[in-house]
Amino acid sequence: MTITRGYNLSTNTLQQRRQKLADLINFPVILWSGRSIPRNYPALTYPFRASSHFLYFAGLPLENAAIRLESGKLELFLDDAPASSTLWHGEMPKRAEIAELIGADAAFPMAELKSRSTNAATIAIQDSWTQLQQSQILARPLTPPKSPIGIDLELTKAIISLRLSHDAGSLAELRQAAAVTVEAHKAGMAATRNAQIEAGVRAAMESVIISENMTYAYPSIVTVHGEVLHSEHYHNSLQAGDLLLADVGAETSTGWAADVTRTWPVSGKFSPTQRAIYDVVLAAHDACIDKISPGVEYQDIHLLAARIMAEGLVELGILRGNVEDLVEMDAHALFFVHGIGHLIGLDVHDMEDLGDLAGYEEGRTRSSRFGLGFLRLNRVLRAGMLVSIEPGFYQVPAILNNPENRAKYEDFVNWEELEKFADVRGIRIEDDILVIDEGREVLTGKLPTQAPEIEELVAVNT
């Protein structure tokens, strides 16, 4: 057993990233990997996930490690495992072996880090133990990663500029994650036949991911309550007439993610009302993907989805009025409550630990509008970006029954007509789109989206 098995590493790629960082800043950088968090005793821990900023330059999910970057060079700081750990964990690679594997220029025990920390910039890690260690070694307080100051802010901006566009090494990993995710969703549709509760479908999907030596990139959403955007409960029974929304994505062993959602009928056949709403969501999904290319404003793609959703709901008699006016007053957001998507990379919501520094062009701030406030990405698209496109329709009781919303949109929502669509709690369709010079590439395009194909995949197994 060794930590170095099962990882695809290119030292050339890692060295190129380090040099690109050196071209942007002229001070040393220390990045920590973080540590696992114990449950009820130290040896029983929650699954460890290394910091993505560490992973980007180090390549391996090392625990309790740090790297120092300066002038394109990398120094690894890591303690060798004690001899006593062999009984429990097997023979572990030595620091020198790991350093060679990742192309480090030097390697030291962690105790040496303090002497190499003068004037170094960093990004605060999420776990409090590592944050304390960072502050002690750097001999200064740290600000949250979404609001850095001084050289930490310079470092953050430099890393954002590198990670916004994916290199060949990251794209290879992202394609693997996408391919496994597609197969996981097909397995979920096939499992619907025999599943009694949501957990049965979840198990089928995650087993595909685990069998490829990957993990899930976020807590899987597999629910008949699609109106709960981040549902993490799997106990509800599957009944004929239900829609099952599955938002499940794989993450490779080195941290690269995919993010896909499909919604399908448990019975294998959409009802007329379900099909009508599904086609509205799909029209928005397809139109937004067709618009993706370098130079396009991502917010414009979101607004395109809003207009198509509003237009479709007007045609169905749910909304009343002029489409442009409805979008301007955010009437569509009663049903399409979130942004059209986000960055994808080393995290499923890539770099969102950095807040809007990553998601928004410099000088832009979040809108206070109901229909724009949840937009996670507000940048001009450029080649190499990977983004999600995920329009949706949701009947969220807390929104639709809110007295202020009822009063504000009284003349623009046909509440009686909406009641006919009670069997549509939530529908979302999501794919991962790579921006390329020629336009776009749908990395998850092998998973069908058209309703008849979805019905066939489910019904064949029900």
Protein backbone atom coordinates (compact mmCIF):
# COMPACT_ATOMS: atom_id res chain seq x y z
CA MET A 1 0.00 0.00 0.00
CA THR A 2 1.39 3.40 -1.00
CA ILE A 3 0.02 6.87 -1.44
CA THR A 4 1.72 7.20 -4.81
CA ARG A 5 -0.23 4.43 -6.57
CA GLY A 6 -3.24 5.20 -8.74
CA TYR A 7 -2.32 8.81 -9.55
CA ASN A 8 -1.69 10.24 -13.00
CA LEU A 9 1.11 12.76 -12.64
CA SER A 10 3.06 14.76 -15.18
CA THR A 11 6.04 16.51 -13.61
CA ASN A 12 6.33 18.60 -16.76
CA THR A 13 2.79 19.92 -16.26
CA LEU A 14 3.45 20.66 -12.59
CA GLN A 15 6.70 22.43 -13.37
CA GLN A 16 5.04 24.52 -16.06
CA ARG A 17 2.40 25.65 -13.58
CA ARG A 18 5.07 26.62 -11.06
CA GLN A 19 6.95 28.62 -13.67
CA LYS A 20 3.81 30.40 -14.81
CA LEU A 21 3.17 31.41 -11.22
CA ALA A 22 6.74 32.71 -10.96
CA ASP A 23 6.14 34.83 -14.05
CA LEU A 24 3.28 36.58 -12.26
CA ILE A 25 4.73 37.24 -8.78
CA ASN A 26 8.17 37.97 -7.33
CA PHE A 27 7.86 36.70 -3.75
CA PRO A 28 7.88 33.25 -2.12
CA VAL A 29 4.66 31.29 -1.61
CA ILE A 30 3.79 28.59 0.91
CA LEU A 31 0.72 26.45 0.34
CA TRP A 32 -0.51 23.91 2.88
CA SER A 33 -2.36 20.70 2.06
CA GLY A 34 -4.41 20.55 5.26
CA ARG A 35 -5.10 17.63 7.56
CA SER A 36 -7.84 15.11 8.22
CA ILE A 37 -10.37 15.78 10.96
CA PRO A 38 -10.92 13.12 13.65
CA ARG A 39 -14.34 11.81 14.52
CA ASN A 40 -14.48 10.26 18.01
CA TYR A 41 -10.77 9.35 18.29
CA PRO A 42 -7.65 10.44 16.38
CA ALA A 43 -7.24 7.37 14.18
CA LEU A 44 -10.84 7.47 12.95
CA THR A 45 -11.06 10.44 10.62
CA TYR A 46 -13.38 11.94 8.08
CA PRO A 47 -12.18 11.47 4.48
CA PHE A 48 -9.22 13.73 3.78
CA ARG A 49 -9.31 16.18 0.88
CA ALA A 50 -6.16 18.19 0.19
CA SER A 51 -6.43 21.91 -0.56
CA SER A 52 -7.02 22.46 -4.26
CA HIS A 53 -4.41 25.22 -4.41
CA PHE A 54 -1.84 22.78 -3.03
CA LEU A 55 -2.98 20.08 -5.46
CA TYR A 56 -2.63 22.36 -8.46
CA PHE A 57 1.11 22.74 -7.93
CA ALA A 58 1.99 19.56 -5.99
CA GLY A 59 -0.17 17.03 -7.83
CA LEU A 60 -0.59 14.57 -4.95
CA PRO A 61 -3.14 14.71 -2.10
CA LEU A 62 -0.51 14.61 0.63
CA GLU A 63 -1.69 15.10 4.19
CA ASN A 64 0.02 17.44 6.69
CA ALA A 65 2.32 18.76 3.98
CA ALA A 66 3.35 22.14 2.62
CA ILE A 67 5.12 23.37 -0.47
CA ARG A 68 7.25 26.48 -0.90
CA LEU A 69 7.28 28.02 -4.36
CA GLU A 70 9.75 30.62 -5.55
CA SER A 71 11.19 31.44 -8.97
CA GLY A 72 9.56 28.34 -10.46
CA LYS A 73 11.13 26.00 -7.89
CA LEU A 74 9.26 23.84 -5.39
CA GLU A 75 10.38 22.71 -1.95
CA LEU A 76 8.37 19.98 -0.24
CA PHE A 77 7.89 19.96 3.53
CA LEU A 78 6.64 16.63 4.84
CA ASP A 79 7.46 14.34 7.75
CA ASP A 80 8.20 10.70 7.07
CA ALA A 81 5.65 8.33 8.55
CA PRO A 82 6.76 6.86 11.90
CA ALA A 83 7.84 3.22 11.87
CA SER A 84 4.88 2.31 14.07
CA SER A 85 2.43 3.28 11.32
CA THR A 86 3.56 0.37 9.15
CA LEU A 87 1.38 -2.00 11.17
CA TRP A 88 -1.76 -0.04 10.32
CA HIS A 89 -1.01 1.53 6.96
CA GLY A 90 1.68 -0.61 5.37
CA GLU A 91 5.01 0.59 4.07
CA MET A 92 4.75 4.28 3.22
CA PRO A 93 6.97 6.11 0.71
CA LYS A 94 9.68 8.31 2.12
CA ARG A 95 9.77 12.06 1.70
CA ALA A 96 12.57 11.79 -0.87
CA GLU A 97 10.53 9.37 -3.00
CA ILE A 98 7.52 11.66 -3.01
CA ALA A 99 9.68 14.67 -3.79
CA GLU A 100 11.10 12.92 -6.83
CA LEU A 101 7.65 11.86 -7.99
CA ILE A 102 6.26 15.40 -7.99
CA GLY A 103 9.43 16.99 -9.36
CA ALA A 104 10.35 18.87 -6.19
CA ASP A 105 13.68 20.67 -6.18
CA ALA A 106 14.27 19.96 -2.47
CA ALA A 107 12.53 18.26 0.45
CA PHE A 108 12.61 18.90 4.18
CA PRO A 109 10.80 17.83 7.35
CA MET A 110 7.98 20.13 8.47
CA ALA A 111 10.13 21.51 11.30
CA GLU A 112 12.26 23.26 8.66
CA LEU A 113 9.35 25.24 7.23
CA LYS A 114 9.52 28.06 9.78
CA SER A 115 13.06 28.97 8.72
CA ARG A 116 11.93 29.20 5.07
CA SER A 117 8.80 31.27 5.67
CA THR A 118 10.09 34.86 5.63
CA ASN A 119 7.95 37.21 3.52
CA ALA A 120 5.91 34.33 2.08
CA ALA A 121 2.36 34.68 0.80
CA THR A 122 -0.33 32.05 1.31
CA ILE A 123 -4.03 31.24 1.04
CA ALA A 124 -5.81 30.28 4.25
CA ILE A 125 -6.89 26.63 4.48
CA GLN A 126 -10.44 25.73 5.48
CA ASP A 127 -9.64 23.65 8.58
CA SER A 128 -8.95 25.64 11.73
CA TRP A 129 -5.96 23.54 12.88
CA THR A 130 -4.05 24.25 9.68
CA GLN A 131 -5.06 27.91 9.73
CA LEU A 132 -3.52 28.20 13.19
CA GLN A 133 -0.34 26.51 11.94
CA GLN A 134 -0.20 28.87 8.96
CA SER A 135 -0.54 31.91 11.17
CA GLN A 136 2.10 30.68 13.62
CA ILE A 137 4.67 29.83 10.96
CA LEU A 138 4.14 33.04 9.00
CA ALA A 139 4.03 35.05 12.26
CA ARG A 140 1.05 37.08 11.16
CA PRO A 141 -2.75 36.88 11.21
CA LEU A 142 -4.51 35.50 8.16
CA THR A 143 -7.62 36.87 6.53
CA PRO A 144 -10.30 34.56 5.04
CA PRO A 145 -9.45 33.29 1.54
CA LYS A 146 -12.27 35.32 0.00
CA SER A 147 -10.88 38.59 1.39
CA PRO A 148 -7.06 38.43 1.31
CA ILE A 149 -4.86 41.50 1.63
CA GLY A 150 -1.32 42.47 0.65
CA ILE A 151 0.82 39.78 -0.97
CA ASP A 152 -1.86 37.18 -0.18
CA LEU A 153 -4.21 39.11 -2.47
CA GLU A 154 -1.54 39.28 -5.18
CA LEU A 155 -1.02 35.54 -4.89
CA THR A 156 -4.76 34.86 -5.01
CA LYS A 157 -5.18 36.89 -8.19
CA ALA A 158 -2.23 35.13 -9.79
CA ILE A 159 -3.59 31.67 -8.99
CA ILE A 160 -7.03 32.64 -10.27
CA SER A 161 -5.55 33.77 -13.59
CA LEU A 162 -3.81 30.39 -13.95
CA ARG A 163 -6.68 28.17 -12.88
CA LEU A 164 -9.40 29.92 -14.90
CA SER A 165 -8.16 28.22 -18.08
CA HIS A 166 -7.26 24.55 -17.97
CA ASP A 167 -4.02 23.13 -19.32
CA ALA A 168 -3.67 19.77 -21.07
CA GLY A 169 -2.96 17.96 -17.82
CA SER A 170 -6.09 19.17 -16.10
CA LEU A 171 -8.23 18.59 -19.19
CA ALA A 172 -7.18 14.95 -19.31
CA GLU A 173 -8.35 14.52 -15.71
CA LEU A 174 -11.57 16.47 -16.29
CA ARG A 175 -12.44 14.30 -19.28
CA GLN A 176 -11.96 11.18 -17.15
CA ALA A 177 -14.24 12.57 -14.46
CA ALA A 178 -16.85 13.46 -17.08
CA ALA A 179 -16.77 10.02 -18.71
CA VAL A 180 -17.22 8.21 -15.39
CA THR A 181 -20.02 10.60 -14.42
CA VAL A 182 -21.89 9.82 -17.63
CA GLU A 183 -21.73 6.09 -16.86
CA ALA A 184 -22.86 6.72 -13.29
CA HIS A 185 -25.98 8.49 -14.51
CA LYS A 186 -26.81 5.69 -16.92
CA ALA A 187 -26.43 3.25 -14.04
CA GLY A 188 -28.80 5.35 -11.95
CA MET A 189 -31.45 5.28 -14.63
CA ALA A 190 -31.06 1.52 -14.98
CA ALA A 191 -31.29 1.02 -11.21
CA THR A 192 -34.61 2.82 -10.95
CA ARG A 193 -36.34 -0.43 -11.91
CA ASN A 194 -35.49 -2.22 -8.67
CA ALA A 195 -34.90 0.67 -6.28
CA GLN A 196 -37.46 1.14 -3.54
CA ILE A 197 -36.06 4.38 -2.19
CA GLU A 198 -33.75 7.10 -3.47
CA ALA A 199 -30.78 5.49 -1.73
CA GLY A 200 -30.94 2.53 -4.11
CA VAL A 201 -30.37 4.77 -7.12
CA ARG A 202 -27.68 6.71 -5.29
CA ALA A 203 -25.85 3.46 -4.49
CA ALA A 204 -25.87 2.39 -8.13
CA MET A 205 -24.47 5.72 -9.27
CA GLU A 206 -21.77 6.05 -6.65
CA SER A 207 -20.68 2.41 -7.11
CA VAL A 208 -19.69 3.24 -10.70
CA ILE A 209 -17.60 6.13 -9.45
CA ILE A 210 -15.95 4.17 -6.66
CA SER A 211 -15.19 1.24 -8.97
CA GLU A 212 -13.04 3.60 -11.06
CA ASN A 213 -11.00 4.55 -7.98
CA MET A 214 -12.69 7.93 -7.86
CA THR A 215 -14.91 9.58 -5.30
CA TYR A 216 -17.94 11.80 -5.66
CA ALA A 217 -17.09 15.48 -6.13
CA TYR A 218 -19.84 16.65 -3.76
CA PRO A 219 -22.60 15.02 -1.70
CA SER A 220 -24.82 13.36 -4.29
CA ILE A 221 -28.31 14.75 -4.80
CA VAL A 222 -30.70 11.92 -5.69
CA THR A 223 -34.22 12.95 -4.78
CA VAL A 224 -37.88 12.96 -5.68
CA HIS A 225 -37.96 16.39 -4.03
CA GLY A 226 -36.18 18.26 -6.79
CA GLU A 227 -37.38 21.54 -5.35
CA VAL A 228 -34.81 21.09 -2.54
CA LEU A 229 -31.73 22.30 -4.38
CA HIS A 230 -29.08 20.57 -2.24
CA SER A 231 -31.03 17.69 -0.75
CA GLU A 232 -28.81 15.15 1.00
CA HIS A 233 -31.56 12.76 2.16
CA TYR A 234 -32.19 9.47 0.39
CA HIS A 235 -35.00 7.84 2.36
CA ASN A 236 -38.00 8.82 0.23
CA SER A 237 -39.79 6.03 -1.62
CA LEU A 238 -39.96 5.99 -5.41
CA GLN A 239 -43.53 6.10 -6.64
CA ALA A 240 -45.03 6.01 -10.11
CA GLY A 241 -45.63 9.61 -11.13
CA ASP A 242 -42.54 10.90 -9.35
CA LEU A 243 -39.67 12.65 -11.06
CA LEU A 244 -36.23 11.71 -9.79
CA LEU A 245 -33.59 14.43 -9.93
CA ALA A 246 -30.00 13.17 -9.78
CA ASP A 247 -27.13 15.64 -9.46
CA VAL A 248 -24.05 13.42 -9.18
CA GLY A 249 -20.45 13.97 -10.27
CA ALA A 250 -17.18 12.07 -10.07
CA GLU A 251 -13.85 13.40 -8.80
CA THR A 252 -10.55 11.89 -9.89
CA SER A 253 -7.92 10.76 -7.39
CA THR A 254 -6.08 14.05 -7.87
CA GLY A 255 -9.17 16.18 -7.31
CA TRP A 256 -10.59 17.07 -10.74
CA ALA A 257 -14.38 17.17 -10.84
CA ALA A 258 -17.44 16.70 -13.01
CA ASP A 259 -20.96 17.95 -12.33
CA VAL A 260 -24.03 16.56 -14.10
CA THR A 261 -27.75 16.60 -13.43
CA ARG A 262 -30.51 14.65 -15.11
CA THR A 263 -34.18 14.36 -14.22
CA TRP A 264 -36.20 11.33 -15.18
CA PRO A 265 -39.61 9.80 -14.48
CA VAL A 266 -39.59 6.88 -12.06
CA SER A 267 -42.22 5.15 -14.20
CA GLY A 268 -40.17 5.59 -17.37
CA LYS A 269 -42.69 7.99 -18.89
CA PHE A 270 -43.11 11.73 -18.34
CA SER A 271 -46.65 12.90 -17.69
CA PRO A 272 -47.91 15.58 -20.12
CA THR A 273 -47.28 18.34 -17.55
CA GLN A 274 -43.85 16.98 -16.66
CA ARG A 275 -42.89 16.72 -20.33
CA ALA A 276 -44.06 20.28 -20.99
CA ILE A 277 -41.87 21.74 -18.26
CA TYR A 278 -38.98 19.42 -19.13
CA ASP A 279 -38.98 20.71 -22.71
CA VAL A 280 -38.89 24.32 -21.51
CA VAL A 281 -35.86 23.59 -19.33
CA LEU A 282 -34.20 21.66 -22.16
CA ALA A 283 -34.76 24.54 -24.60
CA ALA A 284 -32.93 26.86 -22.20
CA HIS A 285 -30.16 24.28 -21.69
CA ASP A 286 -29.58 23.81 -25.42
CA ALA A 287 -29.72 27.51 -26.31
CA CYS A 288 -27.25 28.43 -23.59
CA ILE A 289 -24.77 25.77 -24.69
CA ASP A 290 -25.04 26.95 -28.29
CA LYS A 291 -24.13 30.48 -27.18
CA ILE A 292 -20.91 29.51 -25.39
CA SER A 293 -17.74 30.70 -27.10
CA PRO A 294 -14.74 32.90 -26.25
CA GLY A 295 -15.64 36.54 -25.71
CA VAL A 296 -19.23 35.90 -24.59
CA GLU A 297 -20.41 37.32 -21.28
CA TYR A 298 -21.52 34.52 -18.98
CA GLN A 299 -24.18 36.75 -17.46
CA ASP A 300 -25.69 37.13 -20.94
CA ILE A 301 -25.98 33.34 -21.09
CA HIS A 302 -27.83 33.40 -17.77
CA LEU A 303 -30.19 36.08 -19.04
CA LEU A 304 -30.79 34.05 -22.20
CA ALA A 305 -31.87 31.13 -20.01
CA ALA A 306 -34.14 33.47 -18.06
CA ARG A 307 -35.84 34.70 -21.24
CA ILE A 308 -36.35 31.21 -22.63
CA MET A 309 -37.73 29.98 -19.32
CA ALA A 310 -40.08 32.97 -19.12
CA GLU A 311 -41.20 32.52 -22.72
CA GLY A 312 -41.93 28.84 -22.16
CA LEU A 313 -43.88 29.52 -18.99
CA VAL A 314 -45.92 32.17 -20.79
CA GLU A 315 -46.76 29.67 -23.53
CA LEU A 316 -47.88 27.19 -20.86
CA GLY A 317 -50.08 29.82 -19.24
CA ILE A 318 -48.14 29.90 -15.96
CA LEU A 319 -46.76 33.41 -16.46
CA ARG A 320 -48.55 36.39 -18.01
CA GLY A 321 -47.02 39.35 -19.78
CA ASN A 322 -44.19 40.43 -22.05
CA VAL A 323 -41.14 38.18 -21.74
CA GLU A 324 -38.61 41.00 -21.46
CA ASP A 325 -40.69 42.72 -18.80
CA LEU A 326 -41.09 39.48 -16.86
CA VAL A 327 -37.33 38.91 -16.81
CA GLU A 328 -36.66 42.53 -15.83
CA MET A 329 -38.97 42.15 -12.82
CA ASP A 330 -37.46 38.69 -12.03
CA ALA A 331 -40.77 36.86 -12.36
CA HIS A 332 -38.92 33.91 -13.92
CA ALA A 333 -36.84 33.62 -10.74
CA LEU A 334 -39.91 32.42 -8.86
CA PHE A 335 -39.20 29.11 -10.63
CA PHE A 336 -35.58 29.44 -11.84
CA VAL A 337 -34.01 30.61 -8.61
CA HIS A 338 -30.27 30.05 -9.14
CA GLY A 339 -27.60 31.08 -11.62
CA ILE A 340 -27.09 29.27 -14.90
CA GLY A 341 -23.88 27.61 -13.67
CA HIS A 342 -20.34 27.97 -12.35
CA LEU A 343 -16.69 27.17 -12.94
CA ILE A 344 -15.60 23.51 -12.74
CA GLY A 345 -12.07 22.30 -12.07
CA LEU A 346 -10.27 21.09 -8.97
CA ASP A 347 -13.52 21.64 -7.14
CA VAL A 348 -17.03 21.21 -8.43
CA HIS A 349 -17.55 24.93 -7.78
CA ASP A 350 -14.00 25.78 -8.68
CA MET A 351 -12.20 28.35 -6.53
CA GLU A 352 -15.34 29.38 -4.68
CA ASP A 353 -13.30 29.35 -1.47
CA LEU A 354 -11.97 32.61 -2.94
CA GLY A 355 -15.47 34.06 -3.14
CA ASP A 356 -16.27 36.39 -5.99
CA LEU A 357 -12.58 37.15 -6.55
CA ALA A 358 -12.58 34.10 -8.80
CA GLY A 359 -16.11 34.13 -10.15
CA TYR A 360 -16.40 37.82 -10.99
CA GLU A 361 -14.30 40.02 -13.23
CA GLU A 362 -12.37 42.63 -11.25
CA GLY A 363 -14.58 45.62 -10.50
CA ARG A 364 -17.84 43.67 -10.73
CA THR A 365 -20.05 42.96 -7.74
CA ARG A 366 -23.05 40.77 -7.16
CA SER A 367 -26.43 42.13 -8.10
CA SER A 368 -29.08 42.62 -5.43
CA ARG A 369 -31.76 41.49 -7.87
CA PHE A 370 -33.76 38.37 -7.04
CA GLY A 371 -32.99 36.95 -10.47
CA LEU A 372 -29.24 37.71 -10.53
CA GLY A 373 -28.03 37.55 -6.94
CA PHE A 374 -27.17 33.85 -7.07
CA LEU A 375 -25.09 34.09 -10.24
CA ARG A 376 -21.78 32.41 -9.31
CA LEU A 377 -19.87 33.41 -12.45
CA ASN A 378 -19.82 36.83 -14.05
CA ARG A 379 -16.88 36.85 -16.45
CA VAL A 380 -16.14 37.04 -20.14
CA LEU A 381 -15.63 33.46 -21.30
CA ARG A 382 -12.24 32.50 -22.66
CA ALA A 383 -10.79 29.34 -24.18
CA GLY A 384 -9.87 26.74 -21.60
CA MET A 385 -12.65 27.55 -19.14
CA LEU A 386 -14.91 24.71 -18.03
CA VAL A 387 -18.38 25.80 -16.93
CA SER A 388 -21.65 24.16 -16.10
CA ILE A 389 -24.92 24.98 -17.80
CA GLU A 390 -27.82 23.99 -15.56
CA PRO A 391 -31.19 25.70 -16.00
CA GLY A 392 -34.00 24.42 -13.84
CA PHE A 393 -37.63 24.75 -12.82
CA TYR A 394 -38.59 24.40 -9.17
CA GLN A 395 -41.74 24.82 -7.13
CA VAL A 396 -40.26 25.88 -3.81
CA PRO A 397 -43.09 26.42 -1.29
CA ALA A 398 -41.11 29.00 0.69
CA ILE A 399 -40.82 31.13 -2.47
CA LEU A 400 -44.19 30.57 -4.07
CA ASN A 401 -46.13 30.96 -0.81
CA ASN A 402 -44.21 34.02 0.35
CA PRO A 403 -46.80 36.81 0.85
CA GLU A 404 -44.51 39.46 -0.61
CA ASN A 405 -43.94 37.40 -3.76
CA ARG A 406 -47.66 36.67 -4.04
CA ALA A 407 -48.44 40.37 -3.85
CA LYS A 408 -45.63 41.50 -6.17
CA TYR A 409 -46.39 38.98 -8.90
CA GLU A 410 -50.15 38.72 -8.42
CA ASP A 411 -50.90 39.91 -11.94
CA PHE A 412 -48.09 37.96 -13.61
CA VAL A 413 -48.55 34.42 -12.30
CA ASN A 414 -51.62 32.33 -13.08
CA TRP A 415 -51.72 30.49 -9.80
CA GLU A 416 -54.70 28.34 -10.83
CA GLU A 417 -52.91 27.19 -13.97
CA LEU A 418 -49.78 26.48 -11.96
CA GLU A 419 -51.72 24.01 -9.81
CA LYS A 420 -52.08 21.76 -12.87
CA PHE A 421 -48.31 21.25 -12.74
CA ALA A 422 -48.25 19.96 -9.17
CA ASP A 423 -46.44 16.78 -10.28
CA VAL A 424 -43.40 18.87 -11.23
CA ARG A 425 -41.52 19.59 -8.02
CA GLY A 426 -38.16 20.18 -9.67
CA ILE A 427 -36.39 19.62 -12.99
CA ARG A 428 -32.76 20.43 -13.71
CA ILE A 429 -30.62 19.50 -16.72
CA GLU A 430 -26.88 20.10 -16.37
CA ASP A 431 -23.80 19.50 -18.49
CA ASP A 432 -20.11 20.44 -18.36
CA ILE A 433 -19.03 22.71 -21.22
CA LEU A 434 -15.44 23.43 -22.23
CA VAL A 435 -14.86 26.76 -23.96
CA ILE A 436 -12.62 26.22 -26.98
CA ASP A 437 -11.35 28.53 -29.71
CA GLU A 438 -13.99 27.22 -32.12
CA GLY A 439 -16.81 27.61 -29.61
CA ARG A 440 -17.57 24.82 -27.19
CA GLU A 441 -17.22 21.12 -26.39
CA VAL A 442 -19.75 19.32 -24.20
CA LEU A 443 -17.58 17.01 -22.10
CA THR A 444 -20.67 15.18 -20.83
CA GLY A 445 -22.44 15.13 -24.18
CA LYS A 446 -22.67 11.33 -24.35
CA LEU A 447 -25.42 11.40 -21.75
CA PRO A 448 -28.78 12.02 -23.47
CA THR A 449 -30.96 14.99 -22.65
CA GLN A 450 -33.90 14.59 -25.02
CA ALA A 451 -37.01 13.33 -23.22
CA PRO A 452 -37.64 10.30 -25.50
CA GLU A 453 -34.06 9.10 -25.02
CA ILE A 454 -34.28 9.59 -21.25
CA GLU A 455 -37.57 7.65 -21.20
CA GLU A 456 -36.00 4.85 -23.22
CA LEU A 457 -33.00 4.55 -20.87
CA VAL A 458 -35.32 4.32 -17.87
CA ALA A 459 -38.22 2.36 -19.34
CA VAL A 460 -36.00 -0.34 -20.84
CA ASN A 461 -35.11 -1.26 -17.27
CA THR A 462 -38.46 -0.82 -15.55
